[in-house]
């Protein structure tokens, strides 16, 4: 028996089903079923009773469950003990995140971290991309979720999500401008864009404004430095009927009846987010956290 097989069996038993366990473990359900079946053949006993409502351990399965939990707990304790010598986790993982993230993005990596490094506690700070990058360089963050990928060998990075941005408009304007496929970007001419300070994420700001100007939009002056692009700011400006704001589908904030979200025709605006960490890091818990992110094509919002 391997540790990964024991961990899979414990997860299935605790979740009460193959589908739920497969989601937590980030593997396919057939692969998980094959592993459990192979474990049963190896031990020569039936471990689980399958039914339409899920799975329950047999008497033999309950015996293995107790033993597996003890083995895994001892293994995790050994990792925590060695972390004192290697600086390899078991403490606090300091994570920077922007103001807006898809609701399910952090769930899988946090579950993976909890499963494989239970002694690690996550400390989250809401910071702009530029502030996260500065904190990473100063050693004040262990990882960050950035809107742009840093250049050079100082950091490693992995794309974790692409979001097709749509537009927030006053409901009356949306009714006038929206067609069957949404709102054309060039139809927003004459409205003020509720922007954000360029200093917060220069590369993303420049990419975004270049596309907007390329569609004939007069953006006016940049947002004042230090002005955070919070939901209340967006909604108040859009509600006036003189402005538009950009937001992903399934935006985390509830919209009043006076404001409507519409897709943009052709999906011209794609917001990308990378998880970024120091290239020299050897923390296993950080590696497990990063490894818990799903393929960005699976997490694409608004496709």
C-alpha atoms as a PDB file:
ATOM      1  CA  UNK A   1       0.000   0.000   0.000  1.00  0.00           C
ATOM      2  CA  UNK A   2       1.160   3.502  -0.820  1.00  0.00           C
ATOM      3  CA  UNK A   3       0.410   6.663   1.138  1.00  0.00           C
ATOM      4  CA  UNK A   4      -1.478   8.170  -1.780  1.00  0.00           C
ATOM      5  CA  UNK A   5      -3.751   5.098  -1.902  1.00  0.00           C
ATOM      6  CA  UNK A   6      -4.462   5.375   1.802  1.00  0.00           C
ATOM      7  CA  UNK A   7      -5.195   9.075   1.471  1.00  0.00           C
ATOM      8  CA  UNK A   8      -7.584   8.397  -1.405  1.00  0.00           C
ATOM      9  CA  UNK A   9      -9.399   5.700   0.596  1.00  0.00           C
ATOM     10  CA  UNK A  10      -9.730   7.961   3.649  1.00  0.00           C
ATOM     11  CA  UNK A  11     -11.074  10.791   1.492  1.00  0.00           C
ATOM     12  CA  UNK A  12     -13.676   8.536  -0.149  1.00  0.00           C
ATOM     13  CA  UNK A  13     -14.792   7.177   3.226  1.00  0.00           C
ATOM     14  CA  UNK A  14     -15.028  10.637   4.775  1.00  0.00           C
ATOM     15  CA  UNK A  15     -16.790  12.246   1.798  1.00  0.00           C
ATOM     16  CA  UNK A  16     -19.188   9.337   1.420  1.00  0.00           C
ATOM     17  CA  UNK A  17     -18.900   9.149  -2.341  1.00  0.00           C
ATOM     18  CA  UNK A  18     -16.521   8.796  -5.274  1.00  0.00           C
ATOM     19  CA  UNK A  19     -17.588  12.005  -7.019  1.00  0.00           C
ATOM     20  CA  UNK A  20     -17.090  14.233  -3.977  1.00  0.00           C
ATOM     21  CA  UNK A  21     -13.755  12.609  -3.172  1.00  0.00           C
ATOM     22  CA  UNK A  22     -12.554  12.941  -6.770  1.00  0.00           C
ATOM     23  CA  UNK A  23     -13.262  16.673  -6.690  1.00  0.00           C
ATOM     24  CA  UNK A  24     -11.266  17.113  -3.483  1.00  0.00           C
ATOM     25  CA  UNK A  25      -8.378  15.004  -4.763  1.00  0.00           C
ATOM     26  CA  UNK A  26      -8.463  16.631  -8.238  1.00  0.00           C
ATOM     27  CA  UNK A  27      -8.451  13.348 -10.119  1.00  0.00           C
ATOM     28  CA  UNK A  28     -11.045  11.708 -12.338  1.00  0.00           C
ATOM     29  CA  UNK A  29     -13.688   9.513 -10.768  1.00  0.00           C
ATOM     30  CA  UNK A  30     -12.728   6.457 -12.906  1.00  0.00           C
ATOM     31  CA  UNK A  31      -9.086   6.778 -11.793  1.00  0.00           C
ATOM     32  CA  UNK A  32     -10.165   6.983  -8.164  1.00  0.00           C
ATOM     33  CA  UNK A  33     -12.443   3.951  -8.522  1.00  0.00           C
ATOM     34  CA  UNK A  34      -9.613   1.967 -10.112  1.00  0.00           C
ATOM     35  CA  UNK A  35      -7.312   2.818  -7.201  1.00  0.00           C
ATOM     36  CA  UNK A  36      -9.877   1.708  -4.602  1.00  0.00           C
ATOM     37  CA  UNK A  37     -10.580  -1.497  -6.539  1.00  0.00           C
ATOM     38  CA  UNK A  38      -6.856  -2.242  -6.734  1.00  0.00           C
ATOM     39  CA  UNK A  39      -6.528  -1.645  -2.993  1.00  0.00           C
ATOM     40  CA  UNK A  40      -9.361  -4.090  -2.321  1.00  0.00           C
ATOM     41  CA  UNK A  41      -7.699  -6.726  -4.535  1.00  0.00           C
ATOM     42  CA  UNK A  42      -4.358  -6.195  -2.813  1.00  0.00           C
ATOM     43  CA  UNK A  43      -5.874  -6.669   0.649  1.00  0.00           C
ATOM     44  CA  UNK A  44      -8.272  -9.404  -0.411  1.00  0.00           C
ATOM     45  CA  UNK A  45     -11.262  -7.776   1.289  1.00  0.00           C
ATOM     46  CA  UNK A  46     -14.170  -5.536   0.353  1.00  0.00           C
ATOM     47  CA  UNK A  47     -13.647  -2.071   1.816  1.00  0.00           C
ATOM     48  CA  UNK A  48     -16.697  -0.157   0.619  1.00  0.00           C
ATOM     49  CA  UNK A  49     -20.334  -0.838  -0.097  1.00  0.00           C
ATOM     50  CA  UNK A  50     -21.435   1.081  -3.187  1.00  0.00           C
ATOM     51  CA  UNK A  51     -24.995   2.310  -3.614  1.00  0.00           C
ATOM     52  CA  UNK A  52     -26.902   4.942  -5.575  1.00  0.00           C
ATOM     53  CA  UNK A  53     -26.542   7.366  -2.661  1.00  0.00           C
ATOM     54  CA  UNK A  54     -22.785   6.954  -2.174  1.00  0.00           C
ATOM     55  CA  UNK A  55     -20.440   4.581  -0.366  1.00  0.00           C
ATOM     56  CA  UNK A  56     -20.112   3.311   3.206  1.00  0.00           C
ATOM     57  CA  UNK A  57     -17.182   1.381   4.701  1.00  0.00           C
ATOM     58  CA  UNK A  58     -17.574  -2.308   5.463  1.00  0.00           C
ATOM     59  CA  UNK A  59     -16.328  -3.695   8.774  1.00  0.00           C
ATOM     60  CA  UNK A  60     -12.982  -4.313   7.088  1.00  0.00           C
ATOM     61  CA  UNK A  61     -13.126  -0.825   5.634  1.00  0.00           C
ATOM     62  CA  UNK A  62     -13.678   0.727   9.063  1.00  0.00           C
ATOM     63  CA  UNK A  63     -10.645  -1.156  10.359  1.00  0.00           C
ATOM     64  CA  UNK A  64      -8.479   0.117   7.507  1.00  0.00           C
ATOM     65  CA  UNK A  65      -9.914   3.628   7.937  1.00  0.00           C
ATOM     66  CA  UNK A  66      -8.697   3.775  11.536  1.00  0.00           C
ATOM     67  CA  UNK A  67      -5.277   2.400  10.602  1.00  0.00           C
ATOM     68  CA  UNK A  68      -4.940   4.682   7.566  1.00  0.00           C
ATOM     69  CA  UNK A  69      -5.803   7.776   9.586  1.00  0.00           C
ATOM     70  CA  UNK A  70      -3.141   6.826  12.139  1.00  0.00           C
ATOM     71  CA  UNK A  71      -0.523   6.246   9.427  1.00  0.00           C
ATOM     72  CA  UNK A  72      -1.305   9.518   7.661  1.00  0.00           C
ATOM     73  CA  UNK A  73      -1.339  11.464  10.926  1.00  0.00           C
ATOM     74  CA  UNK A  74       2.088  10.040  11.786  1.00  0.00           C
ATOM     75  CA  UNK A  75       3.366  10.897   8.315  1.00  0.00           C
ATOM     76  CA  UNK A  76       2.061  14.468   8.550  1.00  0.00           C
ATOM     77  CA  UNK A  77       3.622  14.802  11.989  1.00  0.00           C
ATOM     78  CA  UNK A  78       6.959  13.665  10.565  1.00  0.00           C
ATOM     79  CA  UNK A  79       6.725  16.363   7.894  1.00  0.00           C
ATOM     80  CA  UNK A  80       5.959  18.997  10.520  1.00  0.00           C
ATOM     81  CA  UNK A  81       8.901  17.853  12.632  1.00  0.00           C
ATOM     82  CA  UNK A  82      11.298  17.994   9.697  1.00  0.00           C
ATOM     83  CA  UNK A  83       9.913  21.396   8.703  1.00  0.00           C
ATOM     84  CA  UNK A  84      11.602  22.788  11.804  1.00  0.00           C
ATOM     85  CA  UNK A  85      14.933  21.847  10.230  1.00  0.00           C
ATOM     86  CA  UNK A  86      14.180  22.713   6.629  1.00  0.00           C
ATOM     87  CA  UNK A  87      11.900  25.751   6.855  1.00  0.00           C
ATOM     88  CA  UNK A  88       9.540  23.709   4.715  1.00  0.00           C
ATOM     89  CA  UNK A  89       6.178  24.864   5.971  1.00  0.00           C
ATOM     90  CA  UNK A  90       4.065  23.800   8.887  1.00  0.00           C
ATOM     91  CA  UNK A  91       3.578  27.441   9.806  1.00  0.00           C
ATOM     92  CA  UNK A  92       1.886  30.299   7.966  1.00  0.00           C
ATOM     93  CA  UNK A  93       1.490  30.573   4.199  1.00  0.00           C
ATOM     94  CA  UNK A  94       1.155  34.289   3.438  1.00  0.00           C
ATOM     95  CA  UNK A  95      -0.983  34.810   0.360  1.00  0.00           C
ATOM     96  CA  UNK A  96      -1.803  37.998  -1.522  1.00  0.00           C
ATOM     97  CA  UNK A  97      -5.008  38.270  -3.544  1.00  0.00           C
ATOM     98  CA  UNK A  98      -6.669  41.040  -5.593  1.00  0.00           C
ATOM     99  CA  UNK A  99     -10.076  42.446  -4.750  1.00  0.00           C
ATOM    100  CA  UNK A 100     -11.964  40.343  -7.317  1.00  0.00           C
ATOM    101  CA  UNK A 101     -11.533  36.605  -7.820  1.00  0.00           C
ATOM    102  CA  UNK A 102     -13.865  33.905  -9.218  1.00  0.00           C
ATOM    103  CA  UNK A 103     -15.716  32.426  -6.264  1.00  0.00           C
ATOM    104  CA  UNK A 104     -14.422  28.876  -6.740  1.00  0.00           C
ATOM    105  CA  UNK A 105     -10.819  29.627  -7.646  1.00  0.00           C
ATOM    106  CA  UNK A 106      -9.234  29.240  -4.214  1.00  0.00           C
ATOM    107  CA  UNK A 107     -11.347  26.292  -3.064  1.00  0.00           C
ATOM    108  CA  UNK A 108      -9.372  23.448  -4.675  1.00  0.00           C
ATOM    109  CA  UNK A 109      -5.860  24.650  -3.704  1.00  0.00           C
ATOM    110  CA  UNK A 110      -6.965  25.393  -0.132  1.00  0.00           C
ATOM    111  CA  UNK A 111      -8.559  21.938   0.134  1.00  0.00           C
ATOM    112  CA  UNK A 112      -5.398  20.380  -1.282  1.00  0.00           C
ATOM    113  CA  UNK A 113      -3.297  22.252   1.245  1.00  0.00           C
ATOM    114  CA  UNK A 114      -5.567  21.259   4.115  1.00  0.00           C
ATOM    115  CA  UNK A 115      -5.447  17.638   3.028  1.00  0.00           C
ATOM    116  CA  UNK A 116      -1.686  17.355   2.527  1.00  0.00           C
ATOM    117  CA  UNK A 117      -0.309  19.999   4.925  1.00  0.00           C
ATOM    118  CA  UNK A 118      -2.832  20.263   7.775  1.00  0.00           C
ATOM    119  CA  UNK A 119      -0.441  22.212  10.003  1.00  0.00           C
ATOM    120  CA  UNK A 120      -0.124  25.094   7.544  1.00  0.00           C
ATOM    121  CA  UNK A 121      -2.328  28.113   8.195  1.00  0.00           C
ATOM    122  CA  UNK A 122      -3.137  30.519   5.349  1.00  0.00           C
ATOM    123  CA  UNK A 123      -2.948  34.262   5.983  1.00  0.00           C
ATOM    124  CA  UNK A 124      -4.610  36.322   3.227  1.00  0.00           C
ATOM    125  CA  UNK A 125      -3.995  39.981   2.350  1.00  0.00           C
ATOM    126  CA  UNK A 126      -5.957  41.970  -0.253  1.00  0.00           C
ATOM    127  CA  UNK A 127      -3.386  43.865  -2.304  1.00  0.00           C
ATOM    128  CA  UNK A 128      -3.002  45.218  -5.815  1.00  0.00           C
ATOM    129  CA  UNK A 129      -0.660  43.436  -8.221  1.00  0.00           C
ATOM    130  CA  UNK A 130       2.070  46.042  -7.731  1.00  0.00           C
ATOM    131  CA  UNK A 131       1.762  45.869  -3.935  1.00  0.00           C
ATOM    132  CA  UNK A 132       1.884  42.065  -4.008  1.00  0.00           C
ATOM    133  CA  UNK A 133       4.999  42.116  -6.161  1.00  0.00           C
ATOM    134  CA  UNK A 134       6.708  44.497  -3.749  1.00  0.00           C
ATOM    135  CA  UNK A 135       5.696  42.311  -0.798  1.00  0.00           C
ATOM    136  CA  UNK A 136       7.013  39.189  -2.533  1.00  0.00           C
ATOM    137  CA  UNK A 137      10.368  40.882  -3.134  1.00  0.00           C
ATOM    138  CA  UNK A 138      10.503  42.025   0.486  1.00  0.00           C
ATOM    139  CA  UNK A 139       9.782  38.502   1.770  1.00  0.00           C
ATOM    140  CA  UNK A 140       6.434  39.594   3.232  1.00  0.00           C
ATOM    141  CA  UNK A 141       4.393  37.194   1.051  1.00  0.00           C
ATOM    142  CA  UNK A 142       4.995  33.567   0.124  1.00  0.00           C
ATOM    143  CA  UNK A 143       2.714  33.641  -2.933  1.00  0.00           C
ATOM    144  CA  UNK A 144       0.412  36.051  -4.709  1.00  0.00           C
ATOM    145  CA  UNK A 145      -2.370  36.099  -7.287  1.00  0.00           C
ATOM    146  CA  UNK A 146      -1.327  38.742  -9.797  1.00  0.00           C
ATOM    147  CA  UNK A 147      -2.993  40.264 -12.868  1.00  0.00           C
ATOM    148  CA  UNK A 148       0.289  40.228 -14.768  1.00  0.00           C
ATOM    149  CA  UNK A 149       3.195  37.802 -14.968  1.00  0.00           C
ATOM    150  CA  UNK A 150       6.496  39.169 -13.638  1.00  0.00           C
ATOM    151  CA  UNK A 151       9.438  39.161 -16.052  1.00  0.00           C
ATOM    152  CA  UNK A 152      12.800  37.642 -15.239  1.00  0.00           C
ATOM    153  CA  UNK A 153      14.035  34.644 -13.232  1.00  0.00           C
ATOM    154  CA  UNK A 154      13.202  36.003  -9.771  1.00  0.00           C
ATOM    155  CA  UNK A 155       9.752  34.414  -9.644  1.00  0.00           C
ATOM    156  CA  UNK A 156       7.951  31.345 -10.906  1.00  0.00           C
ATOM    157  CA  UNK A 157       4.388  31.788 -12.152  1.00  0.00           C
ATOM    158  CA  UNK A 158       1.469  29.708 -13.376  1.00  0.00           C
ATOM    159  CA  UNK A 159      -1.673  30.921 -15.114  1.00  0.00           C
ATOM    160  CA  UNK A 160      -4.693  29.893 -13.015  1.00  0.00           C
ATOM    161  CA  UNK A 161      -7.711  31.614 -14.585  1.00  0.00           C
ATOM    162  CA  UNK A 162      -8.900  33.555 -17.604  1.00  0.00           C
ATOM    163  CA  UNK A 163     -12.050  35.645 -17.283  1.00  0.00           C
ATOM    164  CA  UNK A 164     -14.052  37.098 -20.160  1.00  0.00           C
ATOM    165  CA  UNK A 165     -15.069  40.519 -18.884  1.00  0.00           C
ATOM    166  CA  UNK A 166     -18.501  41.911 -19.600  1.00  0.00           C
ATOM    167  CA  UNK A 167     -20.011  45.318 -18.964  1.00  0.00           C
ATOM    168  CA  UNK A 168     -22.151  46.763 -16.177  1.00  0.00           C
ATOM    169  CA  UNK A 169     -24.678  49.315 -17.413  1.00  0.00           C
ATOM    170  CA  UNK A 170     -27.771  51.072 -16.159  1.00  0.00           C
ATOM    171  CA  UNK A 171     -30.684  48.809 -17.097  1.00  0.00           C
ATOM    172  CA  UNK A 172     -32.224  51.324 -19.529  1.00  0.00           C
ATOM    173  CA  UNK A 173     -28.922  51.752 -21.379  1.00  0.00           C
ATOM    174  CA  UNK A 174     -28.364  48.019 -21.512  1.00  0.00           C
ATOM    175  CA  UNK A 175     -31.793  47.556 -23.092  1.00  0.00           C
ATOM    176  CA  UNK A 176     -30.851  50.057 -25.806  1.00  0.00           C
ATOM    177  CA  UNK A 177     -27.316  48.827 -26.491  1.00  0.00           C
ATOM    178  CA  UNK A 178     -27.479  45.063 -26.055  1.00  0.00           C
ATOM    179  CA  UNK A 179     -28.088  42.769 -29.023  1.00  0.00           C
ATOM    180  CA  UNK A 180     -28.569  38.989 -29.132  1.00  0.00           C
ATOM    181  CA  UNK A 181     -24.867  38.371 -28.389  1.00  0.00           C
ATOM    182  CA  UNK A 182     -24.398  41.207 -25.930  1.00  0.00           C
ATOM    183  CA  UNK A 183     -23.004  44.737 -26.152  1.00  0.00           C
ATOM    184  CA  UNK A 184     -20.457  45.823 -28.748  1.00  0.00           C
ATOM    185  CA  UNK A 185     -17.474  47.495 -27.160  1.00  0.00           C
ATOM    186  CA  UNK A 186     -17.593  50.428 -29.584  1.00  0.00           C
ATOM    187  CA  UNK A 187     -21.224  51.066 -28.568  1.00  0.00           C
ATOM    188  CA  UNK A 188     -19.967  52.342 -25.196  1.00  0.00           C
ATOM    189  CA  UNK A 189     -18.583  55.539 -26.725  1.00  0.00           C
ATOM    190  CA  UNK A 190     -19.734  58.626 -24.849  1.00  0.00           C
ATOM    191  CA  UNK A 191     -19.874  56.838 -21.496  1.00  0.00           C
ATOM    192  CA  UNK A 192     -17.256  57.247 -18.792  1.00  0.00           C
ATOM    193  CA  UNK A 193     -15.208  54.164 -17.907  1.00  0.00           C
ATOM    194  CA  UNK A 194     -15.014  53.427 -14.178  1.00  0.00           C
ATOM    195  CA  UNK A 195     -11.304  52.674 -14.220  1.00  0.00           C
ATOM    196  CA  UNK A 196      -8.651  51.850 -11.637  1.00  0.00           C
ATOM    197  CA  UNK A 197      -5.233  53.402 -10.888  1.00  0.00           C
ATOM    198  CA  UNK A 198      -2.577  52.359 -13.376  1.00  0.00           C
ATOM    199  CA  UNK A 199      -0.019  51.961 -10.593  1.00  0.00           C
ATOM    200  CA  UNK A 200      -1.931  49.000  -9.172  1.00  0.00           C
ATOM    201  CA  UNK A 201      -1.254  46.814 -12.226  1.00  0.00           C
ATOM    202  CA  UNK A 202       0.562  48.712 -14.995  1.00  0.00           C
ATOM    203  CA  UNK A 203       0.792  45.937 -17.605  1.00  0.00           C
ATOM    204  CA  UNK A 204      -2.869  44.933 -17.251  1.00  0.00           C
ATOM    205  CA  UNK A 205      -3.982  48.572 -17.269  1.00  0.00           C
ATOM    206  CA  UNK A 206      -2.018  49.269 -20.459  1.00  0.00           C
ATOM    207  CA  UNK A 207      -3.369  46.140 -22.183  1.00  0.00           C
ATOM    208  CA  UNK A 208      -6.933  46.996 -21.205  1.00  0.00           C
ATOM    209  CA  UNK A 209      -6.806  50.659 -22.198  1.00  0.00           C
ATOM    210  CA  UNK A 210      -5.158  49.828 -25.540  1.00  0.00           C
ATOM    211  CA  UNK A 211      -8.095  47.543 -26.427  1.00  0.00           C
ATOM    212  CA  UNK A 212     -10.667  50.104 -25.278  1.00  0.00           C
ATOM    213  CA  UNK A 213      -9.038  52.910 -27.270  1.00  0.00           C
ATOM    214  CA  UNK A 214      -8.731  50.574 -30.246  1.00  0.00           C
ATOM    215  CA  UNK A 215     -12.533  50.375 -30.238  1.00  0.00           C
ATOM    216  CA  UNK A 216     -12.884  54.144 -30.307  1.00  0.00           C
ATOM    217  CA  UNK A 217     -13.510  54.817 -26.616  1.00  0.00           C
ATOM    218  CA  UNK A 218     -12.338  58.098 -25.111  1.00  0.00           C
ATOM    219  CA  UNK A 219     -11.245  57.032 -21.635  1.00  0.00           C
ATOM    220  CA  UNK A 220     -10.526  60.422 -20.144  1.00  0.00           C
ATOM    221  CA  UNK A 221      -8.080  60.831 -17.249  1.00  0.00           C
ATOM    222  CA  UNK A 222      -6.852  57.831 -15.292  1.00  0.00           C
ATOM    223  CA  UNK A 223      -8.364  57.080 -11.895  1.00  0.00           C
ATOM    224  CA  UNK A 224      -6.669  58.940  -9.034  1.00  0.00           C
ATOM    225  CA  UNK A 225      -3.889  57.068  -7.274  1.00  0.00           C
ATOM    226  CA  UNK A 226      -5.065  55.288  -4.151  1.00  0.00           C
ATOM    227  CA  UNK A 227      -8.689  55.012  -5.341  1.00  0.00           C
ATOM    228  CA  UNK A 228      -9.665  51.378  -4.904  1.00  0.00           C
ATOM    229  CA  UNK A 229     -11.968  49.825  -7.470  1.00  0.00           C
ATOM    230  CA  UNK A 230     -14.464  48.454  -4.949  1.00  0.00           C
ATOM    231  CA  UNK A 231     -17.935  47.251  -5.851  1.00  0.00           C
ATOM    232  CA  UNK A 232     -19.698  50.237  -4.316  1.00  0.00           C
ATOM    233  CA  UNK A 233     -17.675  52.621  -6.491  1.00  0.00           C
ATOM    234  CA  UNK A 234     -18.564  50.732  -9.652  1.00  0.00           C
ATOM    235  CA  UNK A 235     -22.257  50.461  -8.887  1.00  0.00           C
ATOM    236  CA  UNK A 236     -22.685  54.087  -7.815  1.00  0.00           C
ATOM    237  CA  UNK A 237     -21.041  55.374 -10.988  1.00  0.00           C
ATOM    238  CA  UNK A 238     -22.896  53.001 -13.302  1.00  0.00           C
ATOM    239  CA  UNK A 239     -26.216  53.739 -11.613  1.00  0.00           C
ATOM    240  CA  UNK A 240     -25.908  57.384 -12.623  1.00  0.00           C
ATOM    241  CA  UNK A 241     -26.428  56.356 -16.254  1.00  0.00           C
ATOM    242  CA  UNK A 242     -23.292  58.166 -17.403  1.00  0.00           C
ATOM    243  CA  UNK A 243     -20.690  55.412 -16.962  1.00  0.00           C
ATOM    244  CA  UNK A 244     -19.917  51.759 -17.560  1.00  0.00           C
ATOM    245  CA  UNK A 245     -17.800  49.351 -15.578  1.00  0.00           C
ATOM    246  CA  UNK A 246     -16.167  46.059 -16.468  1.00  0.00           C
ATOM    247  CA  UNK A 247     -16.861  42.903 -14.508  1.00  0.00           C
ATOM    248  CA  UNK A 248     -16.734  39.129 -15.016  1.00  0.00           C
ATOM    249  CA  UNK A 249     -19.881  37.013 -15.252  1.00  0.00           C
ATOM    250  CA  UNK A 250     -21.202  35.720 -11.946  1.00  0.00           C
ATOM    251  CA  UNK A 251     -19.758  38.775 -10.253  1.00  0.00           C
ATOM    252  CA  UNK A 252     -19.573  38.238  -6.507  1.00  0.00           C
ATOM    253  CA  UNK A 253     -21.591  41.373  -5.705  1.00  0.00           C
ATOM    254  CA  UNK A 254     -25.406  41.395  -5.955  1.00  0.00           C
ATOM    255  CA  UNK A 255     -26.690  43.808  -8.585  1.00  0.00           C
ATOM    256  CA  UNK A 256     -29.606  46.169  -7.961  1.00  0.00           C
ATOM    257  CA  UNK A 257     -32.474  45.989 -10.424  1.00  0.00           C
ATOM    258  CA  UNK A 258     -31.345  49.275 -11.931  1.00  0.00           C
ATOM    259  CA  UNK A 259     -28.043  47.775 -13.169  1.00  0.00           C
ATOM    260  CA  UNK A 260     -27.508  44.987 -15.709  1.00  0.00           C
ATOM    261  CA  UNK A 261     -24.469  42.877 -16.630  1.00  0.00           C
ATOM    262  CA  UNK A 262     -24.076  41.991 -20.318  1.00  0.00           C
ATOM    263  CA  UNK A 263     -21.375  40.067 -22.198  1.00  0.00           C
ATOM    264  CA  UNK A 264     -19.243  41.908 -24.728  1.00  0.00           C
ATOM    265  CA  UNK A 265     -19.633  40.745 -28.315  1.00  0.00           C
ATOM    266  CA  UNK A 266     -16.621  38.686 -29.333  1.00  0.00           C
ATOM    267  CA  UNK A 267     -15.162  38.606 -25.801  1.00  0.00           C
ATOM    268  CA  UNK A 268     -12.480  41.237 -26.548  1.00  0.00           C
ATOM    269  CA  UNK A 269     -11.399  41.650 -22.909  1.00  0.00           C
ATOM    270  CA  UNK A 270      -9.772  38.683 -21.149  1.00  0.00           C
ATOM    271  CA  UNK A 271      -8.474  39.180 -17.617  1.00  0.00           C
ATOM    272  CA  UNK A 272      -5.764  36.740 -16.609  1.00  0.00           C
ATOM    273  CA  UNK A 273      -4.544  35.861 -13.127  1.00  0.00           C
ATOM    274  CA  UNK A 274      -1.278  34.113 -12.280  1.00  0.00           C
ATOM    275  CA  UNK A 275      -0.178  32.520  -9.039  1.00  0.00           C
ATOM    276  CA  UNK A 276       3.352  33.800  -8.426  1.00  0.00           C
ATOM    277  CA  UNK A 277       5.967  32.672  -5.899  1.00  0.00           C
ATOM    278  CA  UNK A 278       9.747  33.103  -5.363  1.00  0.00           C
ATOM    279  CA  UNK A 279      11.719  30.859  -7.706  1.00  0.00           C
ATOM    280  CA  UNK A 280      14.028  29.780  -4.890  1.00  0.00           C
ATOM    281  CA  UNK A 281      11.259  28.549  -2.580  1.00  0.00           C
ATOM    282  CA  UNK A 282      11.538  24.928  -1.429  1.00  0.00           C
ATOM    283  CA  UNK A 283       8.402  24.843   0.706  1.00  0.00           C
ATOM    284  CA  UNK A 284       6.446  21.661   0.127  1.00  0.00           C
ATOM    285  CA  UNK A 285       3.219  23.167   1.423  1.00  0.00           C
ATOM    286  CA  UNK A 286       3.538  26.000  -1.095  1.00  0.00           C
ATOM    287  CA  UNK A 287       4.119  23.482  -3.892  1.00  0.00           C
ATOM    288  CA  UNK A 288       1.025  21.559  -2.823  1.00  0.00           C
ATOM    289  CA  UNK A 289      -1.032  24.745  -2.709  1.00  0.00           C
ATOM    290  CA  UNK A 290       0.077  25.744  -6.203  1.00  0.00           C
ATOM    291  CA  UNK A 291      -0.527  22.211  -7.471  1.00  0.00           C
ATOM    292  CA  UNK A 292      -4.139  22.410  -6.307  1.00  0.00           C
ATOM    293  CA  UNK A 293      -5.149  24.978  -8.945  1.00  0.00           C
ATOM    294  CA  UNK A 294      -7.177  23.594 -11.816  1.00  0.00           C
ATOM    295  CA  UNK A 295      -6.372  23.949 -15.493  1.00  0.00           C
ATOM    296  CA  UNK A 296      -7.209  27.572 -16.448  1.00  0.00           C
ATOM    297  CA  UNK A 297      -9.273  26.351 -19.403  1.00  0.00           C
ATOM    298  CA  UNK A 298     -11.506  24.499 -16.944  1.00  0.00           C
ATOM    299  CA  UNK A 299     -11.761  27.669 -14.821  1.00  0.00           C
ATOM    300  CA  UNK A 300     -12.443  30.007 -17.769  1.00  0.00           C
ATOM    301  CA  UNK A 301     -15.272  32.312 -16.826  1.00  0.00           C
ATOM    302  CA  UNK A 302     -17.724  33.497 -19.412  1.00  0.00           C
ATOM    303  CA  UNK A 303     -16.753  31.242 -22.310  1.00  0.00           C
END
